Amino acid sequence: MATVVDREIVLAVEDLCVELSIGGTWVQALNDVSVTIRRGEVLGLVGESGSGKSLTALSIAGLLPDNARVIAGSIRLNGDEVLGKSEQALNRLRARSVALVFQNPTSYLNPVLTVGDQIAEIFELNPELLDDGHARAPRSRRERRREAWRKTIEALRLVRIPDPAAVVARYPFELSGGMQQRVVIAMALVREPDLIIADEITTALDVTVQAQILSLLAELRRSIGMTLLLITHDLGIVAQLADRVAVMYSGSVVESSDVSSLFKAPKHPYAKALLETVPTIHGDHTVFRPIPGAMPALTDPPPGCRFHPRCPDVLPACSTVAPEPLAVARDHIVACHLHGTPRR
């Protein structure tokens, strides 16, 4: 696990609040979400389904659906505010600065275009990517096409696709799920983004292929200094890849710290419960401890701390007062009445 040191901050999300329109009523889905990622760092964003992880990712990339709106907060990428940008500016942002990789590559690959054509199209739309700074940029259309094809093969080789010169001529349906995911990762990398957001990218893969993709991400992180927001419900993936972790519950970050601190001594009851859901083997049987209850509905959230109906350590204040984030150690933030509520 890499040691986190002070680096240039690539992403800074501060007090982000997002509402969703459900049944004609606006309800708050993200509540004062704050996360930061430094250059070359991997941040794991974890929590149960419905906790707000993917909505946070879509907010960062400016891809919120029509029934969502940002009502407060700030999202800065390399110090540049994302919120309030025009659609044209957001398109430029997604073209170069931030890339997303989702869990089902089949949905994001065009079935009627070859793998090579889909990657080469990125260079055609962004010709500046063809200039590596060491040689004259290709001038003619034929030169640009040849250079784009060469870089496409390089990208497939970078993600460890065997015989990339042959794979460029194949269609997505001719590739396995793991190979398709590698292609999508290659498409993200060719744009040389400042930030890659990987949203549950191993969920649809079998265990063996998952291990290969995780090994690839670890290798890319070492070789090219990739900056990654890793969205997952799998704490094993976080332990393997991430430097820091932010735990989300019902639209809020309830605890954030370096990975080692969270795994050794989680402070928030939800983080503790989430760690206990990881199956453990005792003798000839596997022990699994589910979290009692369910995530509250956005349309009817409980007052106070949203986790209090499921919390084994609930205090009287938990049902009436929402806890504020408190620093319990350096770079370790917890929002829980067990650790006190800071004054504004």
Protein backbone atom coordinates (compact mmCIF):
# COMPACT_ATOMS: atom_id res chain seq x y z
CA MET A 1 0.00 0.00 0.00
CA ALA A 2 1.43 3.34 -1.02
CA THR A 3 2.15 6.03 1.56
CA VAL A 4 0.13 9.18 1.10
CA VAL A 5 2.23 12.34 1.01
CA ASP A 6 1.29 15.93 0.24
CA ARG A 7 0.78 16.31 -3.49
CA GLU A 8 -1.01 18.63 -5.79
CA ILE A 9 -4.75 18.19 -5.28
CA VAL A 10 -6.37 16.99 -8.50
CA LEU A 11 -9.96 16.78 -7.24
CA ALA A 12 -11.57 18.73 -4.41
CA VAL A 13 -15.26 18.17 -3.72
CA GLU A 14 -16.56 20.39 -0.92
CA ASP A 15 -19.98 20.30 0.74
CA LEU A 16 -21.68 18.95 -2.38
CA CYS A 17 -25.47 18.75 -2.12
CA VAL A 18 -27.56 17.18 -4.88
CA GLU A 19 -31.32 16.76 -5.15
CA LEU A 20 -33.30 14.21 -7.16
CA SER A 21 -36.83 14.64 -8.44
CA ILE A 22 -38.82 11.58 -7.33
CA GLY A 23 -42.53 11.50 -8.04
CA GLY A 24 -42.55 15.22 -8.70
CA THR A 25 -40.89 16.05 -5.37
CA TRP A 26 -37.28 17.16 -4.93
CA VAL A 27 -35.45 15.15 -2.26
CA GLN A 28 -31.87 15.51 -1.11
CA ALA A 29 -29.69 12.64 -2.33
CA LEU A 30 -26.19 13.97 -1.51
CA ASN A 31 -25.61 15.85 1.73
CA ASP A 32 -22.45 17.95 2.13
CA VAL A 33 -20.18 15.41 0.43
CA SER A 34 -16.49 16.35 0.67
CA VAL A 35 -13.57 14.35 -0.75
CA THR A 36 -10.11 15.19 -2.09
CA ILE A 37 -7.70 13.25 -4.28
CA ARG A 38 -4.04 14.11 -4.76
CA ARG A 39 -2.08 13.44 -7.93
CA GLY A 40 -1.06 9.79 -8.26
CA GLU A 41 -3.38 8.74 -5.43
CA VAL A 42 -6.17 6.16 -5.34
CA LEU A 43 -9.24 7.03 -3.27
CA GLY A 44 -11.75 4.27 -2.58
CA LEU A 45 -15.37 5.42 -2.28
CA VAL A 46 -17.32 2.63 -0.56
CA GLY A 47 -20.81 1.96 0.74
CA GLU A 48 -23.94 -0.07 0.11
CA SER A 49 -25.98 0.29 -3.07
CA GLY A 50 -27.92 3.54 -2.89
CA SER A 51 -25.39 5.30 -0.68
CA GLY A 52 -24.64 7.95 -3.30
CA LYS A 53 -21.32 6.75 -4.71
CA SER A 54 -22.29 6.76 -8.38
CA LEU A 55 -24.25 10.01 -8.04
CA THR A 56 -21.09 11.62 -6.67
CA ALA A 57 -19.13 10.35 -9.68
CA LEU A 58 -21.71 11.66 -12.16
CA SER A 59 -21.67 15.04 -10.41
CA ILE A 60 -17.89 15.26 -10.78
CA ALA A 61 -18.09 14.53 -14.51
CA GLY A 62 -21.05 16.82 -15.11
CA LEU A 63 -23.23 13.91 -16.19
CA LEU A 64 -26.16 14.22 -13.81
CA PRO A 65 -29.49 13.00 -15.23
CA ASP A 66 -32.30 15.43 -16.00
CA ASN A 67 -34.02 14.66 -12.70
CA ALA A 68 -30.98 15.74 -10.64
CA ARG A 69 -29.65 19.15 -9.70
CA VAL A 70 -26.78 20.51 -7.63
CA ILE A 71 -28.06 22.90 -4.98
CA ALA A 72 -24.85 23.68 -3.09
CA GLY A 73 -21.14 22.96 -2.88
CA SER A 74 -18.08 23.03 -5.08
CA ILE A 75 -16.26 20.61 -7.40
CA ARG A 76 -12.77 21.72 -8.45
CA LEU A 77 -10.60 19.80 -10.87
CA ASN A 78 -7.02 21.05 -10.82
CA GLY A 79 -8.36 24.14 -9.08
CA ASP A 80 -10.91 24.85 -11.82
CA GLU A 81 -14.57 24.94 -10.74
CA VAL A 82 -16.68 22.37 -12.58
CA LEU A 83 -20.11 23.48 -11.39
CA GLY A 84 -21.67 26.15 -13.56
CA LYS A 85 -19.69 25.26 -16.69
CA SER A 86 -21.48 25.27 -20.04
CA GLU A 87 -22.19 21.97 -21.77
CA GLN A 88 -19.44 22.79 -24.28
CA ALA A 89 -16.94 23.33 -21.47
CA LEU A 90 -18.06 20.10 -19.78
CA ASN A 91 -17.51 18.23 -23.05
CA ARG A 92 -13.94 19.56 -23.14
CA LEU A 93 -13.51 18.51 -19.52
CA ARG A 94 -14.65 14.96 -20.26
CA ALA A 95 -12.56 14.86 -23.41
CA ARG A 96 -9.27 15.46 -21.61
CA SER A 97 -9.39 15.99 -17.85
CA VAL A 98 -11.64 13.27 -16.44
CA ALA A 99 -12.50 9.82 -17.78
CA LEU A 100 -15.09 7.35 -16.52
CA VAL A 101 -14.98 3.56 -16.68
CA PHE A 102 -18.25 1.80 -15.82
CA GLN A 103 -19.04 -1.76 -14.76
CA ASN A 104 -20.62 -3.01 -17.99
CA PRO A 105 -18.27 -2.39 -20.93
CA THR A 106 -20.76 -3.85 -23.41
CA SER A 107 -23.01 -0.85 -22.85
CA TYR A 108 -20.23 1.61 -23.70
CA LEU A 109 -18.71 -0.03 -26.77
CA ASN A 110 -20.29 0.45 -30.19
CA PRO A 111 -21.16 -3.04 -31.48
CA VAL A 112 -20.87 -2.04 -35.16
CA LEU A 113 -17.37 -0.52 -34.97
CA THR A 114 -14.13 -2.37 -34.48
CA VAL A 115 -12.13 -1.84 -31.31
CA GLY A 116 -9.44 -0.03 -33.30
CA ASP A 117 -11.89 2.36 -34.94
CA GLN A 118 -13.43 3.28 -31.59
CA ILE A 119 -10.09 4.12 -30.00
CA ALA A 120 -8.71 5.84 -33.10
CA GLU A 121 -11.79 8.07 -33.17
CA ILE A 122 -10.62 9.62 -29.89
CA PHE A 123 -7.44 10.81 -31.62
CA GLU A 124 -9.43 12.12 -34.56
CA LEU A 125 -11.59 14.20 -32.20
CA ASN A 126 -8.57 15.30 -30.16
CA PRO A 127 -5.67 15.64 -32.66
CA GLU A 128 -3.46 17.28 -30.03
CA LEU A 129 -3.08 13.82 -28.47
CA LEU A 130 -1.03 12.79 -31.49
CA ASP A 131 1.74 15.26 -30.64
CA ASP A 132 3.98 13.63 -28.04
CA GLY A 133 6.16 16.71 -27.71
CA HIS A 134 9.19 15.05 -29.28
CA ALA A 135 8.31 15.02 -32.93
CA ARG A 136 6.41 17.04 -35.48
CA ALA A 137 2.68 16.48 -35.13
CA PRO A 138 1.21 14.57 -38.09
CA ARG A 139 -0.01 17.02 -40.71
CA SER A 140 -1.90 15.16 -43.41
CA ARG A 141 -5.06 13.11 -42.82
CA ARG A 142 -3.17 9.96 -43.82
CA GLU A 143 -0.35 10.75 -41.35
CA ARG A 144 -2.83 11.41 -38.54
CA ARG A 145 -4.67 8.18 -39.26
CA ARG A 146 -1.44 6.17 -39.27
CA GLU A 147 -0.26 7.76 -36.01
CA ALA A 148 -3.67 7.26 -34.40
CA TRP A 149 -3.56 3.59 -35.32
CA ARG A 150 -0.06 3.23 -33.88
CA LYS A 151 -1.11 4.85 -30.61
CA THR A 152 -4.24 2.69 -30.51
CA ILE A 153 -2.10 -0.44 -30.63
CA GLU A 154 0.18 1.03 -27.95
CA ALA A 155 -2.85 1.66 -25.71
CA LEU A 156 -4.05 -1.92 -26.06
CA ARG A 157 -0.55 -3.16 -25.30
CA LEU A 158 -0.47 -0.93 -22.19
CA VAL A 159 -3.56 -2.67 -20.79
CA ARG A 160 -1.97 -6.06 -21.47
CA ILE A 161 -4.17 -7.20 -24.35
CA PRO A 162 -2.42 -10.05 -26.20
CA ASP A 163 -1.70 -9.46 -29.89
CA PRO A 164 -3.10 -5.90 -29.99
CA ALA A 165 -2.39 -5.58 -33.72
CA ALA A 166 -5.00 -8.29 -34.32
CA VAL A 167 -7.48 -7.13 -31.66
CA VAL A 168 -7.85 -3.68 -33.27
CA ALA A 169 -9.69 -5.35 -36.15
CA ARG A 170 -12.16 -7.18 -33.91
CA TYR A 171 -15.63 -6.17 -32.85
CA PRO A 172 -16.60 -5.97 -29.16
CA PHE A 173 -18.77 -9.10 -29.32
CA GLU A 174 -15.68 -11.08 -30.35
CA LEU A 175 -14.00 -10.26 -27.02
CA SER A 176 -14.60 -11.61 -23.53
CA GLY A 177 -15.99 -9.38 -20.78
CA GLY A 178 -12.54 -8.97 -19.27
CA MET A 179 -11.03 -8.02 -22.64
CA GLN A 180 -13.84 -5.53 -23.26
CA GLN A 181 -13.15 -3.92 -19.89
CA ARG A 182 -9.46 -3.61 -20.80
CA VAL A 183 -10.47 -1.90 -24.04
CA VAL A 184 -12.61 0.61 -22.14
CA ILE A 185 -9.71 1.28 -19.74
CA ALA A 186 -7.45 1.84 -22.77
CA MET A 187 -9.98 4.31 -24.18
CA ALA A 188 -9.81 6.23 -20.91
CA LEU A 189 -6.02 6.22 -20.78
CA VAL A 190 -5.37 7.47 -24.33
CA ARG A 191 -6.85 10.84 -23.38
CA GLU A 192 -4.21 11.21 -20.66
CA PRO A 193 -6.81 12.39 -18.12
CA ASP A 194 -5.93 13.98 -14.82
CA LEU A 195 -8.50 11.77 -13.10
CA ILE A 196 -10.01 8.38 -13.88
CA ILE A 197 -13.27 7.39 -12.18
CA ALA A 198 -13.78 3.63 -12.06
CA ASP A 199 -17.34 2.75 -11.03
CA GLU A 200 -17.73 -0.89 -9.93
CA ILE A 201 -15.64 -1.99 -12.90
CA THR A 202 -15.12 -5.58 -11.70
CA THR A 203 -18.69 -6.31 -10.57
CA ALA A 204 -19.78 -8.00 -13.81
CA LEU A 205 -16.63 -10.14 -14.08
CA ASP A 206 -15.86 -13.56 -12.65
CA VAL A 207 -13.38 -13.84 -9.80
CA THR A 208 -10.37 -14.77 -11.94
CA VAL A 209 -10.90 -11.92 -14.39
CA GLN A 210 -11.52 -9.52 -11.49
CA ALA A 211 -8.09 -10.37 -10.11
CA GLN A 212 -6.53 -9.70 -13.53
CA ILE A 213 -8.21 -6.29 -13.85
CA LEU A 214 -7.17 -5.29 -10.33
CA SER A 215 -3.61 -6.39 -11.05
CA LEU A 216 -3.70 -4.27 -14.22
CA LEU A 217 -4.91 -1.20 -12.31
CA ALA A 218 -2.15 -1.64 -9.74
CA GLU A 219 0.42 -1.93 -12.51
CA LEU A 220 -0.90 1.16 -14.33
CA ARG A 221 -0.83 3.10 -11.09
CA ARG A 222 2.87 2.23 -10.65
CA SER A 223 3.89 2.75 -14.28
CA ILE A 224 2.03 5.95 -15.25
CA GLY A 225 1.11 7.49 -11.89
CA MET A 226 -2.62 7.15 -12.53
CA THR A 227 -4.95 9.20 -10.29
CA LEU A 228 -8.03 7.11 -9.56
CA LEU A 229 -11.40 7.46 -7.85
CA LEU A 230 -12.34 3.83 -7.21
CA ILE A 231 -16.05 3.33 -6.53
CA THR A 232 -16.87 -0.06 -5.08
CA HIS A 233 -18.82 -1.96 -2.44
CA ASP A 234 -15.94 -4.45 -2.11
CA LEU A 235 -13.62 -3.60 0.77
CA GLY A 236 -11.14 -6.20 -0.43
CA ILE A 237 -10.58 -4.13 -3.58
CA VAL A 238 -10.07 -1.03 -1.46
CA ALA A 239 -7.51 -2.81 0.71
CA GLN A 240 -5.63 -3.97 -2.38
CA LEU A 241 -5.55 -0.75 -4.40
CA ALA A 242 -6.44 2.38 -2.44
CA ASP A 243 -4.37 4.83 -0.40
CA ARG A 244 -7.35 6.44 1.27
CA VAL A 245 -11.01 5.55 1.70
CA ALA A 246 -14.24 7.49 2.13
CA VAL A 247 -17.25 5.60 3.49
CA MET A 248 -20.67 6.79 2.30
CA TYR A 249 -24.07 6.14 3.84
CA SER A 250 -27.38 7.51 2.60
CA GLY A 251 -25.82 10.37 0.68
CA SER A 252 -23.16 11.44 3.19
CA VAL A 253 -19.51 10.66 3.86
CA VAL A 254 -19.54 9.28 7.41
CA GLU A 255 -15.83 8.46 7.70
CA SER A 256 -12.67 9.10 5.68
CA SER A 257 -9.08 8.18 6.42
CA ASP A 258 -6.08 6.32 5.08
CA VAL A 259 -6.92 2.70 4.33
CA SER A 260 -4.74 1.25 7.08
CA SER A 261 -6.40 3.32 9.81
CA LEU A 262 -9.90 2.43 8.70
CA PHE A 263 -9.22 -1.29 8.51
CA LYS A 264 -7.38 -1.39 11.83
CA ALA A 265 -9.66 0.88 13.87
CA PRO A 266 -12.84 2.15 12.17
CA LYS A 267 -14.53 4.89 14.17
CA HIS A 268 -18.02 5.12 12.73
CA PRO A 269 -20.44 2.28 13.59
CA TYR A 270 -21.41 1.96 9.94
CA ALA A 271 -17.79 1.59 8.86
CA LYS A 272 -17.33 -1.07 11.55
CA ALA A 273 -20.46 -2.90 10.39
CA LEU A 274 -19.37 -2.69 6.76
CA LEU A 275 -16.03 -4.31 7.61
CA GLU A 276 -17.83 -7.08 9.50
CA THR A 277 -19.83 -7.96 6.37
CA VAL A 278 -16.64 -9.27 4.76
CA PRO A 279 -16.96 -13.08 4.93
CA THR A 280 -14.46 -14.86 7.20
CA ILE A 281 -13.57 -18.53 7.35
CA HIS A 282 -13.74 -20.33 10.70
CA GLY A 283 -12.83 -23.97 10.49
CA ASP A 284 -14.96 -25.59 7.82
CA HIS A 285 -17.57 -22.85 7.54
CA THR A 286 -17.80 -19.24 6.39
CA VAL A 287 -19.15 -16.55 8.71
CA PHE A 288 -21.05 -13.62 7.21
CA ARG A 289 -22.44 -10.82 9.38
CA PRO A 290 -25.02 -8.74 7.47
CA ILE A 291 -26.00 -5.27 8.69
CA PRO A 292 -29.50 -5.41 10.19
CA GLY A 293 -32.14 -3.24 8.54
CA ALA A 294 -31.95 -1.42 5.23
CA MET A 295 -30.81 1.85 3.73
CA PRO A 296 -33.49 4.52 4.32
CA ALA A 297 -35.56 5.73 1.40
CA LEU A 298 -34.56 9.14 0.04
CA THR A 299 -38.21 10.15 0.17
CA ASP A 300 -38.50 9.38 3.89
CA PRO A 301 -35.11 9.70 5.61
CA PRO A 302 -34.98 9.39 9.41
CA PRO A 303 -34.22 12.54 11.41
CA GLY A 304 -30.78 13.10 12.91
CA CYS A 305 -28.14 10.59 11.86
CA ARG A 306 -29.54 8.54 9.01
CA PHE A 307 -27.79 5.42 10.30
CA HIS A 308 -29.29 5.57 13.79
CA PRO A 309 -32.17 3.10 13.13
CA ARG A 310 -29.56 0.42 12.33
CA CYS A 311 -26.83 1.52 14.74
CA PRO A 312 -25.85 -0.71 17.69
CA ASP A 313 -24.28 2.26 19.52
CA VAL A 314 -27.11 4.76 19.15
CA LEU A 315 -27.20 7.75 21.56
CA PRO A 316 -30.19 9.98 22.40
CA ALA A 317 -28.89 12.80 20.18
CA CYS A 318 -28.58 10.50 17.16
CA SER A 319 -32.32 10.49 16.46
CA THR A 320 -32.66 14.28 16.44
CA VAL A 321 -29.34 15.92 15.52
CA ALA A 322 -27.30 15.15 12.42
CA PRO A 323 -23.63 14.80 13.45
CA GLU A 324 -21.07 17.05 11.82
CA PRO A 325 -17.67 15.85 10.52
CA LEU A 326 -14.96 15.87 13.17
CA ALA A 327 -11.20 15.32 12.78
CA VAL A 328 -10.25 12.54 15.20
CA ALA A 329 -6.70 12.30 13.85
CA ARG A 330 -4.69 13.73 10.99
CA ASP A 331 -6.61 13.11 7.75
CA HIS A 332 -9.17 11.03 9.67
CA ILE A 333 -12.69 12.51 9.65
CA VAL A 334 -15.75 10.99 11.33
CA ALA A 335 -19.35 12.21 11.49
CA CYS A 336 -20.69 10.51 14.62
CA HIS A 337 -21.96 11.63 18.03
CA LEU A 338 -19.79 8.96 19.66
CA HIS A 339 -16.82 11.20 18.89
CA GLY A 340 -18.51 14.53 19.67
CA THR A 341 -20.10 17.16 17.46
CA PRO A 342 -17.90 20.15 16.61
CA ARG A 343 -19.25 23.62 16.99
CA ARG A 344 -19.64 25.73 13.87
